[in-house]
Amino acid sequence: MDPAMIEEVKQTVPNYESISLDDGENILRAAALKDFAAAAKEMDDQVAAAQQQLQATQSGQSADQQQTAMKHLQETQAAEAEKLKEVAARLQTQIATLKSLKTQQ
């Protein structure tokens, strides 16, 4: 187990030793949901800004500038989608770590 992940789980579920595995998983899921919501809001804000930039270039800008704006929008969407995947993957790792900690008790 990754020591950093163990510490992260212990900080998120400080009483992991005295609660059930299900309760610990629920606490981890609630924390991940908050992270997911924050990442989704950030994604919405950044995608909206990139879309505005694209719309601005479509009114009188060169084809190169429009392509650049479109590429920026696509990169922004991809980067934000990756952040959401990372939140989900981190949750899975946290749950696996919690299960390992609970079995060591």
N, C-alpha and C. Protein backbone atom coordinates (compact mmCIF):
# COMPACT_ATOMS: atom_id res chain seq x y z
N MET A 1 0.84 -1.19 0.00
CA MET A 1 0.00 0.00 0.00
C MET A 1 0.88 1.24 0.00
N ASP A 2 0.40 2.23 -0.68
CA ASP A 2 1.09 3.50 -0.79
C ASP A 2 0.94 4.28 0.53
N PRO A 3 2.06 4.64 1.16
CA PRO A 3 1.98 5.37 2.43
C PRO A 3 1.22 6.70 2.32
N ALA A 4 1.36 7.36 1.21
CA ALA A 4 0.64 8.63 1.02
C ALA A 4 -0.87 8.39 0.97
N MET A 5 -1.26 7.32 0.31
CA MET A 5 -2.69 6.99 0.22
C MET A 5 -3.22 6.57 1.58
N ILE A 6 -2.42 5.83 2.34
CA ILE A 6 -2.83 5.45 3.69
C ILE A 6 -3.09 6.70 4.52
N GLU A 7 -2.19 7.64 4.44
CA GLU A 7 -2.33 8.89 5.20
C GLU A 7 -3.57 9.67 4.73
N GLU A 8 -3.80 9.69 3.43
CA GLU A 8 -4.97 10.38 2.89
C GLU A 8 -6.27 9.75 3.41
N VAL A 9 -6.31 8.42 3.42
CA VAL A 9 -7.49 7.72 3.93
C VAL A 9 -7.67 8.01 5.41
N LYS A 10 -6.58 7.98 6.17
CA LYS A 10 -6.67 8.24 7.61
C LYS A 10 -7.12 9.67 7.89
N GLN A 11 -6.75 10.62 7.04
CA GLN A 11 -7.20 11.99 7.23
C GLN A 11 -8.67 12.14 6.88
N THR A 12 -9.10 11.44 5.84
CA THR A 12 -10.49 11.53 5.42
C THR A 12 -11.41 10.76 6.36
N VAL A 13 -10.92 9.63 6.85
CA VAL A 13 -11.70 8.78 7.77
C VAL A 13 -10.86 8.59 9.04
N PRO A 14 -10.77 9.62 9.87
CA PRO A 14 -9.87 9.54 11.03
C PRO A 14 -10.24 8.44 12.02
N ASN A 15 -11.48 8.06 12.06
CA ASN A 15 -11.93 7.03 13.00
C ASN A 15 -12.16 5.69 12.28
N TYR A 16 -11.39 5.44 11.23
CA TYR A 16 -11.60 4.24 10.41
C TYR A 16 -11.54 2.95 11.22
N GLU A 17 -10.78 2.94 12.30
CA GLU A 17 -10.64 1.72 13.10
C GLU A 17 -11.92 1.35 13.84
N SER A 18 -12.71 2.36 14.18
CA SER A 18 -13.88 2.10 15.02
C SER A 18 -15.20 2.10 14.26
N ILE A 19 -15.17 2.31 12.96
CA ILE A 19 -16.42 2.30 12.19
C ILE A 19 -16.42 1.12 11.23
N SER A 20 -17.58 0.83 10.70
CA SER A 20 -17.68 -0.29 9.76
C SER A 20 -17.04 0.08 8.42
N LEU A 21 -16.72 -0.93 7.66
CA LEU A 21 -16.15 -0.71 6.32
C LEU A 21 -17.14 0.07 5.46
N ASP A 22 -18.42 -0.28 5.55
CA ASP A 22 -19.44 0.43 4.76
C ASP A 22 -19.49 1.91 5.11
N ASP A 23 -19.44 2.21 6.41
CA ASP A 23 -19.46 3.62 6.83
C ASP A 23 -18.21 4.35 6.33
N GLY A 24 -17.07 3.69 6.40
CA GLY A 24 -15.83 4.29 5.90
C GLY A 24 -15.90 4.55 4.41
N GLU A 25 -16.44 3.59 3.67
CA GLU A 25 -16.60 3.77 2.23
C GLU A 25 -17.54 4.92 1.92
N ASN A 26 -18.61 5.04 2.70
CA ASN A 26 -19.54 6.15 2.49
C ASN A 26 -18.88 7.50 2.74
N ILE A 27 -18.03 7.57 3.74
CA ILE A 27 -17.31 8.81 4.02
C ILE A 27 -16.38 9.14 2.86
N LEU A 28 -15.68 8.13 2.36
CA LEU A 28 -14.78 8.34 1.21
C LEU A 28 -15.57 8.77 -0.02
N ARG A 29 -16.71 8.14 -0.25
CA ARG A 29 -17.54 8.51 -1.41
C ARG A 29 -18.06 9.94 -1.29
N ALA A 30 -18.44 10.34 -0.09
CA ALA A 30 -18.93 11.71 0.10
C ALA A 30 -17.82 12.72 -0.17
N ALA A 31 -16.62 12.41 0.28
CA ALA A 31 -15.48 13.31 0.02
C ALA A 31 -15.17 13.35 -1.47
N ALA A 32 -15.24 12.21 -2.13
CA ALA A 32 -14.99 12.16 -3.58
C ALA A 32 -16.06 12.91 -4.34
N LEU A 33 -17.29 12.84 -3.86
CA LEU A 33 -18.38 13.57 -4.51
C LEU A 33 -18.13 15.07 -4.45
N LYS A 34 -17.63 15.55 -3.33
CA LYS A 34 -17.29 16.98 -3.22
C LYS A 34 -16.18 17.34 -4.21
N ASP A 35 -15.15 16.48 -4.30
CA ASP A 35 -14.07 16.72 -5.25
C ASP A 35 -14.59 16.69 -6.68
N PHE A 36 -15.48 15.74 -6.95
CA PHE A 36 -16.05 15.60 -8.28
C PHE A 36 -16.86 16.84 -8.65
N ALA A 37 -17.67 17.32 -7.70
CA ALA A 37 -18.48 18.52 -7.94
C ALA A 37 -17.61 19.74 -8.19
N ALA A 38 -16.53 19.87 -7.42
CA ALA A 38 -15.62 21.00 -7.62
C ALA A 38 -14.94 20.91 -8.99
N ALA A 39 -14.52 19.72 -9.36
CA ALA A 39 -13.87 19.54 -10.66
C ALA A 39 -14.87 19.80 -11.79
N ALA A 40 -16.11 19.37 -11.62
CA ALA A 40 -17.14 19.59 -12.63
C ALA A 40 -17.44 21.08 -12.79
N LYS A 41 -17.50 21.80 -11.67
CA LYS A 41 -17.73 23.24 -11.76
C LYS A 41 -16.58 23.92 -12.46
N GLU A 42 -15.37 23.55 -12.10
CA GLU A 42 -14.19 24.11 -12.76
C GLU A 42 -14.23 23.81 -14.25
N MET A 43 -14.63 22.60 -14.59
CA MET A 43 -14.73 22.21 -15.99
C MET A 43 -15.76 23.07 -16.70
N ASP A 44 -16.91 23.23 -16.09
CA ASP A 44 -17.96 24.06 -16.69
C ASP A 44 -17.47 25.47 -16.94
N ASP A 45 -16.79 26.04 -15.96
CA ASP A 45 -16.28 27.41 -16.10
C ASP A 45 -15.25 27.51 -17.22
N GLN A 46 -14.32 26.57 -17.26
CA GLN A 46 -13.27 26.63 -18.27
C GLN A 46 -13.81 26.33 -19.67
N VAL A 47 -14.73 25.40 -19.77
CA VAL A 47 -15.33 25.10 -21.07
C VAL A 47 -16.15 26.28 -21.55
N ALA A 48 -16.90 26.91 -20.66
CA ALA A 48 -17.69 28.08 -21.03
C ALA A 48 -16.78 29.20 -21.55
N ALA A 49 -15.65 29.41 -20.87
CA ALA A 49 -14.72 30.45 -21.32
C ALA A 49 -14.14 30.10 -22.68
N ALA A 50 -13.80 28.85 -22.89
CA ALA A 50 -13.26 28.42 -24.18
C ALA A 50 -14.31 28.53 -25.28
N GLN A 51 -15.56 28.23 -24.95
CA GLN A 51 -16.63 28.36 -25.93
C GLN A 51 -16.86 29.83 -26.30
N GLN A 52 -16.77 30.71 -25.31
CA GLN A 52 -16.91 32.14 -25.60
C GLN A 52 -15.78 32.61 -26.50
N GLN A 53 -14.59 32.12 -26.22
CA GLN A 53 -13.44 32.47 -27.05
C GLN A 53 -13.66 31.98 -28.48
N LEU A 54 -14.17 30.79 -28.63
CA LEU A 54 -14.44 30.24 -29.95
C LEU A 54 -15.49 31.06 -30.67
N GLN A 55 -16.55 31.41 -29.98
CA GLN A 55 -17.61 32.23 -30.58
C GLN A 55 -17.07 33.59 -31.01
N ALA A 56 -16.19 34.16 -30.21
CA ALA A 56 -15.61 35.46 -30.55
C ALA A 56 -14.76 35.35 -31.81
N THR A 57 -14.05 34.25 -31.98
CA THR A 57 -13.21 34.10 -33.17
C THR A 57 -14.03 33.83 -34.41
N GLN A 58 -15.24 33.30 -34.24
CA GLN A 58 -16.06 32.97 -35.40
C GLN A 58 -16.67 34.21 -36.04
N SER A 59 -16.61 35.33 -35.35
CA SER A 59 -17.15 36.56 -35.94
C SER A 59 -16.00 37.44 -36.41
N GLY A 60 -15.51 37.12 -37.58
CA GLY A 60 -14.52 37.98 -38.22
C GLY A 60 -13.07 37.58 -38.04
N GLN A 61 -12.77 36.50 -37.36
CA GLN A 61 -11.38 36.10 -37.17
C GLN A 61 -10.96 35.17 -38.31
N SER A 62 -9.69 35.00 -38.44
CA SER A 62 -9.15 34.14 -39.50
C SER A 62 -9.45 32.67 -39.18
N ALA A 63 -9.34 31.84 -40.20
CA ALA A 63 -9.56 30.41 -40.03
C ALA A 63 -8.55 29.82 -39.05
N ASP A 64 -7.32 30.32 -39.08
CA ASP A 64 -6.30 29.83 -38.15
C ASP A 64 -6.68 30.15 -36.71
N GLN A 65 -7.18 31.35 -36.47
CA GLN A 65 -7.58 31.72 -35.12
C GLN A 65 -8.78 30.89 -34.66
N GLN A 66 -9.69 30.61 -35.58
CA GLN A 66 -10.83 29.78 -35.25
C GLN A 66 -10.38 28.36 -34.92
N GLN A 67 -9.44 27.84 -35.68
CA GLN A 67 -8.91 26.50 -35.43
C GLN A 67 -8.20 26.44 -34.07
N THR A 68 -7.45 27.48 -33.77
CA THR A 68 -6.75 27.55 -32.49
C THR A 68 -7.75 27.56 -31.34
N ALA A 69 -8.81 28.34 -31.48
CA ALA A 69 -9.84 28.42 -30.44
C ALA A 69 -10.55 27.07 -30.30
N MET A 70 -10.82 26.41 -31.40
CA MET A 70 -11.48 25.10 -31.36
C MET A 70 -10.56 24.08 -30.68
N LYS A 71 -9.29 24.12 -31.01
CA LYS A 71 -8.33 23.20 -30.40
C LYS A 71 -8.25 23.45 -28.89
N HIS A 72 -8.24 24.72 -28.50
CA HIS A 72 -8.20 25.06 -27.07
C HIS A 72 -9.43 24.51 -26.35
N LEU A 73 -10.59 24.64 -26.98
CA LEU A 73 -11.83 24.12 -26.39
C LEU A 73 -11.73 22.61 -26.21
N GLN A 74 -11.28 21.91 -27.23
CA GLN A 74 -11.16 20.46 -27.16
C GLN A 74 -10.15 20.03 -26.10
N GLU A 75 -9.02 20.73 -26.03
CA GLU A 75 -8.01 20.41 -25.01
C GLU A 75 -8.54 20.65 -23.61
N THR A 76 -9.29 21.73 -23.44
CA THR A 76 -9.88 22.05 -22.15
C THR A 76 -10.86 20.96 -21.73
N GLN A 77 -11.70 20.53 -22.66
CA GLN A 77 -12.66 19.48 -22.37
C GLN A 77 -11.95 18.18 -22.01
N ALA A 78 -10.92 17.85 -22.75
CA ALA A 78 -10.18 16.61 -22.49
C ALA A 78 -9.48 16.66 -21.13
N ALA A 79 -8.86 17.79 -20.81
CA ALA A 79 -8.16 17.93 -19.54
C ALA A 79 -9.13 17.83 -18.37
N GLU A 80 -10.26 18.43 -18.50
CA GLU A 80 -11.23 18.40 -17.42
C GLU A 80 -11.84 17.01 -17.27
N ALA A 81 -12.07 16.33 -18.37
CA ALA A 81 -12.57 14.96 -18.30
C ALA A 81 -11.55 14.07 -17.60
N GLU A 82 -10.29 14.32 -17.85
CA GLU A 82 -9.22 13.55 -17.20
C GLU A 82 -9.23 13.79 -15.69
N LYS A 83 -9.49 15.02 -15.27
CA LYS A 83 -9.57 15.30 -13.83
C LYS A 83 -10.68 14.50 -13.18
N LEU A 84 -11.81 14.39 -13.86
CA LEU A 84 -12.93 13.63 -13.32
C LEU A 84 -12.57 12.14 -13.21
N LYS A 85 -11.87 11.64 -14.20
CA LYS A 85 -11.42 10.24 -14.15
C LYS A 85 -10.46 10.03 -12.99
N GLU A 86 -9.60 11.01 -12.74
CA GLU A 86 -8.64 10.90 -11.64
C GLU A 86 -9.34 10.86 -10.29
N VAL A 87 -10.40 11.65 -10.14
CA VAL A 87 -11.17 11.63 -8.89
C VAL A 87 -11.76 10.24 -8.67
N ALA A 88 -12.33 9.67 -9.73
CA ALA A 88 -12.92 8.34 -9.62
C ALA A 88 -11.86 7.28 -9.32
N ALA A 89 -10.73 7.37 -9.97
CA ALA A 89 -9.65 6.40 -9.74
C ALA A 89 -9.10 6.53 -8.32
N ARG A 90 -8.97 7.77 -7.85
CA ARG A 90 -8.48 7.98 -6.49
C ARG A 90 -9.44 7.38 -5.47
N LEU A 91 -10.74 7.53 -5.71
CA LEU A 91 -11.73 6.94 -4.81
C LEU A 91 -11.57 5.43 -4.76
N GLN A 92 -11.40 4.80 -5.90
CA GLN A 92 -11.23 3.35 -5.93
C GLN A 92 -9.98 2.93 -5.14
N THR A 93 -8.91 3.69 -5.29
CA THR A 93 -7.68 3.39 -4.56
C THR A 93 -7.88 3.60 -3.06
N GLN A 94 -8.60 4.65 -2.70
CA GLN A 94 -8.87 4.91 -1.28
C GLN A 94 -9.69 3.78 -0.67
N ILE A 95 -10.69 3.32 -1.39
CA ILE A 95 -11.53 2.24 -0.88
C ILE A 95 -10.71 0.96 -0.71
N ALA A 96 -9.87 0.66 -1.68
CA ALA A 96 -9.00 -0.52 -1.58
C ALA A 96 -8.06 -0.39 -0.39
N THR A 97 -7.53 0.80 -0.18
CA THR A 97 -6.63 1.05 0.95
C THR A 97 -7.37 0.88 2.26
N LEU A 98 -8.58 1.43 2.35
CA LEU A 98 -9.38 1.29 3.56
C LEU A 98 -9.66 -0.18 3.85
N LYS A 99 -10.01 -0.93 2.82
CA LYS A 99 -10.26 -2.37 3.02
C LYS A 99 -9.02 -3.06 3.56
N SER A 100 -7.87 -2.71 3.03
CA SER A 100 -6.61 -3.31 3.51
C SER A 100 -6.35 -2.93 4.96
N LEU A 101 -6.59 -1.67 5.29
CA LEU A 101 -6.39 -1.23 6.67
C LEU A 101 -7.33 -1.96 7.63
N LYS A 102 -8.56 -2.13 7.19
CA LYS A 102 -9.55 -2.79 8.04
C LYS A 102 -9.20 -4.27 8.24
N THR A 103 -8.66 -4.92 7.24
CA THR A 103 -8.31 -6.34 7.37
C THR A 103 -7.08 -6.53 8.23
N GLN A 104 -6.27 -5.49 8.38
CA GLN A 104 -5.06 -5.58 9.21
C GLN A 104 -5.38 -5.39 10.69
N GLN A 105 -6.57 -4.98 11.00
CA GLN A 105 -6.94 -4.73 12.41
C GLN A 105 -6.99 -6.01 13.17
